[in-house]
Protein backbone atom coordinates (compact mmCIF):
# COMPACT_ATOMS: atom_id res chain seq x y z
CA UNK A 1 116.89 -141.09 -42.18
CA UNK A 2 120.09 -141.47 -44.29
CA UNK A 3 123.21 -140.05 -42.77
CA UNK A 4 125.02 -137.22 -44.60
CA UNK A 5 128.58 -137.91 -45.94
CA UNK A 6 131.21 -135.98 -44.30
CA UNK A 7 133.38 -133.99 -46.78
CA UNK A 8 136.55 -134.18 -44.60
CA UNK A 9 136.35 -138.04 -44.00
CA UNK A 10 135.69 -138.72 -47.65
CA UNK A 11 138.52 -136.46 -49.02
CA UNK A 12 140.98 -137.94 -46.32
CA UNK A 13 139.98 -141.47 -47.47
CA UNK A 14 140.63 -140.57 -51.04
CA UNK A 15 143.85 -138.91 -50.12
CA UNK A 16 145.10 -142.08 -48.38
CA UNK A 17 144.22 -144.42 -50.95
CA UNK A 18 145.45 -142.24 -53.90
CA UNK A 19 148.82 -141.50 -52.08
CA UNK A 20 149.40 -145.13 -51.29
CA UNK A 21 148.71 -146.05 -54.94
CA UNK A 22 151.09 -143.27 -56.11
CA UNK A 23 153.95 -144.24 -53.76
CA UNK A 24 153.55 -147.89 -54.55
CA UNK A 25 153.67 -147.26 -58.29
CA UNK A 26 156.74 -145.12 -57.91
CA UNK A 27 158.52 -147.74 -55.66
CA UNK A 28 157.58 -150.35 -58.31
CA UNK A 29 159.05 -148.22 -60.96
CA UNK A 30 162.34 -147.72 -59.06
CA UNK A 31 162.75 -151.25 -57.85
CA UNK A 32 161.00 -153.64 -60.38
CA UNK A 33 161.16 -151.31 -63.40
CA UNK A 34 157.38 -151.06 -63.72
CA UNK A 35 156.23 -148.45 -66.34
CA UNK A 36 153.32 -147.02 -64.23
CA UNK A 37 154.95 -143.54 -64.49
CA UNK A 38 153.73 -143.50 -67.97
CA UNK A 39 150.23 -143.52 -66.57
CA UNK A 40 150.81 -140.87 -63.83
CA UNK A 41 152.76 -138.40 -66.09
CA UNK A 42 149.69 -137.11 -68.15
CA UNK A 43 147.50 -136.89 -65.02
CA UNK A 44 150.11 -135.02 -62.90
CA UNK A 45 151.49 -131.98 -64.69
CA UNK A 46 155.04 -131.30 -63.28
CA UNK A 47 155.62 -134.94 -62.39
CA UNK A 48 158.77 -136.12 -64.27
CA UNK A 49 160.55 -139.47 -64.81
CA UNK A 50 163.35 -140.12 -64.04
CA UNK A 51 162.05 -139.23 -60.57
CA UNK A 52 163.16 -136.04 -58.92
CA UNK A 53 162.17 -134.71 -55.37
CA UNK A 54 160.36 -131.81 -56.83
CA UNK A 55 158.56 -134.04 -59.32
CA UNK A 56 157.51 -136.32 -56.58
CA UNK A 57 156.07 -133.49 -54.36
CA UNK A 58 154.36 -131.94 -57.33
CA UNK A 59 152.61 -135.20 -57.93
CA UNK A 60 151.67 -135.34 -54.36
CA UNK A 61 150.21 -131.94 -54.61
CA UNK A 62 148.18 -132.97 -57.54
CA UNK A 63 146.99 -136.11 -55.54
CA UNK A 64 145.66 -133.65 -52.80
CA UNK A 65 143.85 -131.68 -55.50
CA UNK A 66 142.24 -134.77 -57.07
CA UNK A 67 141.25 -136.10 -53.63
CA UNK A 68 139.43 -132.80 -52.79
CA UNK A 69 137.86 -132.71 -56.40
CA UNK A 70 136.77 -136.37 -56.10
CA UNK A 71 135.20 -135.82 -52.64
CA UNK A 72 133.38 -132.74 -53.70
CA UNK A 73 131.89 -134.51 -56.80
CA UNK A 74 130.62 -137.47 -54.54
CA UNK A 75 129.66 -135.74 -51.17
CA UNK A 76 127.93 -132.62 -52.18
CA UNK A 77 125.47 -134.11 -54.69
CA UNK A 78 124.89 -137.09 -52.36
CA UNK A 79 124.05 -134.89 -49.46
CA UNK A 80 121.86 -132.56 -51.48
CA UNK A 81 119.75 -135.46 -53.10
CA UNK A 82 119.43 -137.29 -49.82
CA UNK A 83 118.18 -134.13 -48.10
CA UNK A 84 115.72 -133.50 -50.85
CA UNK A 85 114.33 -137.05 -50.65
CA UNK A 86 113.95 -136.82 -46.89
CA UNK A 87 111.69 -133.78 -47.13
CA UNK A 88 109.73 -135.05 -50.11
CA UNK A 89 110.67 -132.03 -52.21
């Protein structure tokens, strides 16, 4: 019997991974003049560079949304198809 994926655990995992990546890219942009903000800006509407407090938190809000969306895309189909294969339907 295959275990079901936990939506909360997967979404928190995505949230932690995406948030750390986001913060490291911003820190790299501020300290080392990396240009990662050019990648983040199209994906996070409201995120601005040069960095503002509001833009930073809007970016984090989008990260939360993308984490939930990614977890939903992974967890629900996986649990559905593993349940279907368990019962031979």
